[in-house]
Protein backbone atom coordinates (compact mmCIF):
# COMPACT_ATOMS: atom_id res chain seq x y z
CA MET A 1 98.46 84.75 88.19
CA PHE A 2 100.95 83.96 90.98
CA THR A 3 102.47 87.43 90.68
CA SER A 4 99.10 89.13 90.95
CA ARG A 5 98.20 87.03 94.04
CA PHE A 6 101.54 87.81 95.63
CA CYS A 7 101.09 91.52 94.91
CA ALA A 8 97.59 91.39 96.39
CA ALA A 9 98.91 89.68 99.54
CA PHE A 10 101.73 92.21 99.81
CA ALA A 11 99.28 95.09 99.38
CA ALA A 12 97.06 93.60 102.10
CA LEU A 13 100.06 93.31 104.43
CA LEU A 14 101.11 96.88 103.71
CA THR A 15 97.56 98.14 104.33
CA LEU A 16 97.39 96.18 107.59
CA CYS A 17 100.72 97.58 108.76
CA LEU A 18 99.70 101.15 107.88
CA ALA A 19 96.32 100.75 109.58
CA SER A 20 98.02 99.26 112.62
CA SER A 21 100.44 102.16 112.83
CA ALA A 22 97.69 104.72 112.33
CA GLN A 23 95.81 103.41 115.34
CA ALA A 24 98.83 102.05 117.18
CA TYR A 25 98.15 104.03 120.32
CA LEU A 26 94.92 102.62 121.69
CA VAL A 27 94.94 104.80 124.83
CA THR A 28 93.70 108.35 124.33
CA ASN A 29 95.08 111.13 126.53
CA GLY A 30 97.70 108.77 127.97
CA SER A 31 99.88 111.70 129.04
CA PHE A 32 96.93 113.45 130.74
CA GLU A 33 97.53 116.65 128.78
CA SER A 34 93.73 117.06 128.57
CA GLY A 35 93.29 116.47 132.29
CA LEU A 36 91.08 113.45 132.98
CA ALA A 37 89.33 113.52 129.58
CA ASP A 38 88.76 109.98 128.22
CA TRP A 39 89.36 108.44 131.67
CA THR A 40 86.72 107.24 134.13
CA THR A 41 87.56 107.84 137.80
CA GLY A 42 86.35 106.14 140.95
CA GLY A 43 87.10 105.68 144.63
CA GLY A 44 86.84 107.91 147.67
CA VAL A 45 89.42 110.49 146.58
CA PRO A 46 89.25 111.65 142.96
CA ALA A 47 92.27 111.46 140.75
CA ASP A 48 93.72 114.78 139.66
CA THR A 49 96.35 116.08 137.25
CA THR A 50 99.24 118.33 138.08
CA GLY A 51 102.37 119.87 136.67
CA ALA A 52 104.12 120.18 140.03
CA GLU A 53 105.57 116.68 140.37
CA GLY A 54 107.58 116.64 137.18
CA MET A 55 106.51 114.41 134.32
CA THR A 56 107.97 112.25 131.59
CA ASP A 57 105.85 113.56 128.72
CA GLY A 58 104.22 116.96 128.25
CA THR A 59 103.34 119.28 131.10
CA LEU A 60 100.81 117.24 133.11
CA ALA A 61 100.71 113.87 134.88
CA LEU A 62 98.06 111.99 136.87
CA ILE A 63 98.11 111.98 140.69
CA LEU A 64 96.76 108.80 142.29
CA GLY A 65 95.76 109.15 145.93
CA ALA A 66 95.46 112.91 145.65
CA ALA A 67 95.11 113.47 149.39
CA SER A 68 97.42 112.78 152.29
CA GLY A 69 96.32 110.08 154.67
CA GLY A 70 93.68 108.67 152.34
CA ALA A 71 92.28 105.18 152.60
CA ALA A 72 94.05 102.36 150.80
CA GLY A 73 92.80 101.95 147.23
CA ASP A 74 91.11 105.34 147.29
CA THR A 75 91.70 106.24 143.62
CA THR A 76 90.94 104.35 140.43
CA VAL A 77 91.19 105.49 136.80
CA GLU A 78 90.27 103.38 133.81
CA GLN A 79 89.75 103.47 130.07
CA VAL A 80 87.97 100.98 127.79
CA LEU A 81 90.05 100.03 124.73
CA THR A 82 88.94 98.44 121.47
CA THR A 83 90.93 95.21 121.04
CA VAL A 84 91.04 92.18 118.73
CA ILE A 85 90.45 88.75 120.26
CA GLY A 86 93.70 86.76 120.24
CA ALA A 87 95.90 89.78 119.48
CA GLN A 88 98.81 90.57 121.77
CA TYR A 89 99.31 94.06 123.16
CA VAL A 90 102.12 95.92 124.93
CA LEU A 91 101.28 98.26 127.82
CA ASP A 92 103.88 100.90 128.75
CA PHE A 93 103.68 103.57 131.45
CA ASP A 94 105.80 105.61 133.87
CA TYR A 95 105.07 105.63 137.60
CA GLY A 96 106.75 107.32 140.55
CA ALA A 97 106.20 108.61 144.07
CA PHE A 98 106.31 112.30 144.97
CA GLY A 99 106.66 113.58 148.51
CA ALA A 100 107.63 112.15 151.88
CA SER A 101 109.88 109.12 152.22
CA ALA A 102 107.10 106.53 152.17
CA THR A 103 106.02 103.86 149.71
CA GLN A 104 103.25 104.30 147.16
CA SER A 105 101.78 101.32 145.30
CA MET A 106 99.57 101.04 142.24
CA GLN A 107 97.65 98.05 140.88
CA VAL A 108 97.64 97.68 137.08
CA GLU A 109 94.89 95.63 135.45
CA ALA A 110 93.76 94.70 131.95
CA ILE A 111 90.31 93.11 132.02
CA GLY A 112 88.50 91.54 129.07
CA SER A 113 86.21 88.55 129.45
CA SER A 114 88.67 87.52 132.15
CA SER A 115 91.60 89.07 134.00
CA LEU A 116 94.39 89.48 131.42
CA LEU A 117 96.88 91.36 133.61
CA ASP A 118 97.04 92.03 137.34
CA GLU A 119 100.30 93.51 138.65
CA THR A 120 101.31 95.85 141.46
CA VAL A 121 104.15 98.39 141.18
CA SER A 122 105.68 100.41 144.04
CA ASP A 123 107.96 103.39 144.50
CA THR A 124 109.32 105.31 147.48
CA GLY A 125 109.18 109.09 147.62
CA ALA A 126 112.46 110.96 147.77
CA GLY A 127 111.22 114.46 148.60
CA PHE A 128 109.20 117.22 147.01
CA GLY A 129 111.46 118.11 144.08
CA ALA A 130 110.03 115.78 141.42
CA ALA A 131 108.76 112.24 141.19
CA GLY A 132 111.43 109.64 140.45
CA PHE A 133 109.67 107.88 137.60
CA GLU A 134 110.30 104.24 136.69
CA HIS A 135 109.28 102.82 133.32
CA TYR A 136 107.11 99.67 133.27
CA GLN A 137 106.09 97.38 130.43
CA TYR A 138 103.65 94.44 130.40
CA ASN A 139 102.13 92.23 127.70
CA PHE A 140 98.62 90.83 127.51
CA THR A 141 96.52 88.89 124.99
CA ALA A 142 92.99 90.17 124.38
CA ASP A 143 90.09 87.74 124.89
CA SER A 144 87.36 90.25 124.04
CA THR A 145 86.63 93.07 121.59
CA THR A 146 86.97 95.52 124.49
CA THR A 147 89.57 95.56 127.24
CA THR A 148 89.39 97.76 130.35
CA LEU A 149 92.74 99.22 131.38
CA ARG A 150 92.61 100.13 135.09
CA PHE A 151 95.08 101.81 137.47
CA SER A 152 94.26 101.76 141.21
CA ASP A 153 96.03 103.30 144.18
CA VAL A 154 96.66 100.44 146.62
CA SER A 155 99.02 102.32 148.94
CA PRO A 156 98.58 101.71 152.66
CA ALA A 157 96.52 104.30 154.51
CA GLY A 158 98.53 106.72 156.58
CA GLY A 159 99.36 110.32 157.29
CA ALA A 160 102.38 110.65 154.98
CA SER A 161 102.18 113.48 152.48
CA ILE A 162 102.93 111.49 149.34
CA ASP A 163 101.28 110.79 146.01
CA GLY A 164 101.71 108.22 143.27
CA VAL A 165 102.15 109.85 139.86
CA LEU A 166 101.30 108.18 136.52
CA ASP A 167 102.35 109.41 133.08
CA LEU A 168 102.84 108.35 129.45
CA VAL A 169 100.39 105.43 129.28
CA THR A 170 100.39 103.63 125.93
CA VAL A 171 98.96 100.36 124.64
CA VAL A 172 100.06 99.18 121.19
CA PRO A 173 99.57 95.95 119.24
CA GLU A 174 102.51 93.56 119.57
CA PRO A 175 104.50 93.97 116.31
CA SER A 176 104.89 90.19 115.95
CA THR A 177 101.10 89.82 115.67
CA VAL A 178 101.02 92.03 112.57
CA VAL A 179 104.12 90.38 111.06
CA LEU A 180 102.79 86.84 111.58
CA LEU A 181 99.46 87.76 110.02
CA GLY A 182 101.27 89.26 107.03
CA LEU A 183 103.50 86.21 106.61
CA GLY A 184 100.42 83.99 106.72
CA LEU A 185 98.78 86.00 103.93
CA ILE A 186 101.91 85.76 101.79
CA ALA A 187 102.18 82.00 102.41
CA LEU A 188 98.54 81.50 101.36
CA ALA A 189 99.08 83.50 98.18
CA SER A 190 102.21 81.47 97.42
CA VAL A 191 100.45 78.10 97.86
CA ASP A 192 97.53 79.25 95.74
CA GLY A 193 99.91 80.44 93.02
CA ARG A 194 101.75 77.10 92.91
CA ARG A 195 98.48 75.17 92.61
CA ARG A 196 97.36 77.28 89.67
CA ILE A 197 100.71 76.89 87.87
CA ARG A 198 100.54 73.06 88.16
CA ARG A 199 97.09 72.96 86.54
């Protein structure tokens, strides 16, 4: 009986791990290869995609603040993700500035029932050859079955010809969440097996 319970727990863990890996990437079109499909845009200046600034994945990337001299916070893009309450997630993305020697800034938010993540990243343009991308990673714990992932241009208004460029956005479940759940299932099967043997 113990062996069958253990096998059942192991099979459940394996199924959970395979399901987690099959839907590991919660963000769709995170490299903007399909333009702005799956993203909602807002603000005074629409976001746009381009292949001119260089990118870290594929042939397109997202331009935030796609106009010179725009107002601060003039571009927002967001996507609603399906999440599990209490589960931990890892957000990764690449961000850089393209154009004149001025600073571009972007606010990064994850919003569920409350604010789960609120960070600002900045980069300084180094010319018109290609954006100098930096890689960023943040963790958040979901408090709702849906989480809104939002990127907003918060660069100061001005006349500099510079854009913030976003690429390779991914959100995946924290591996430790899946492992801990699996270990819990195995522990329960083990305790149940011992109780049955004693009877």
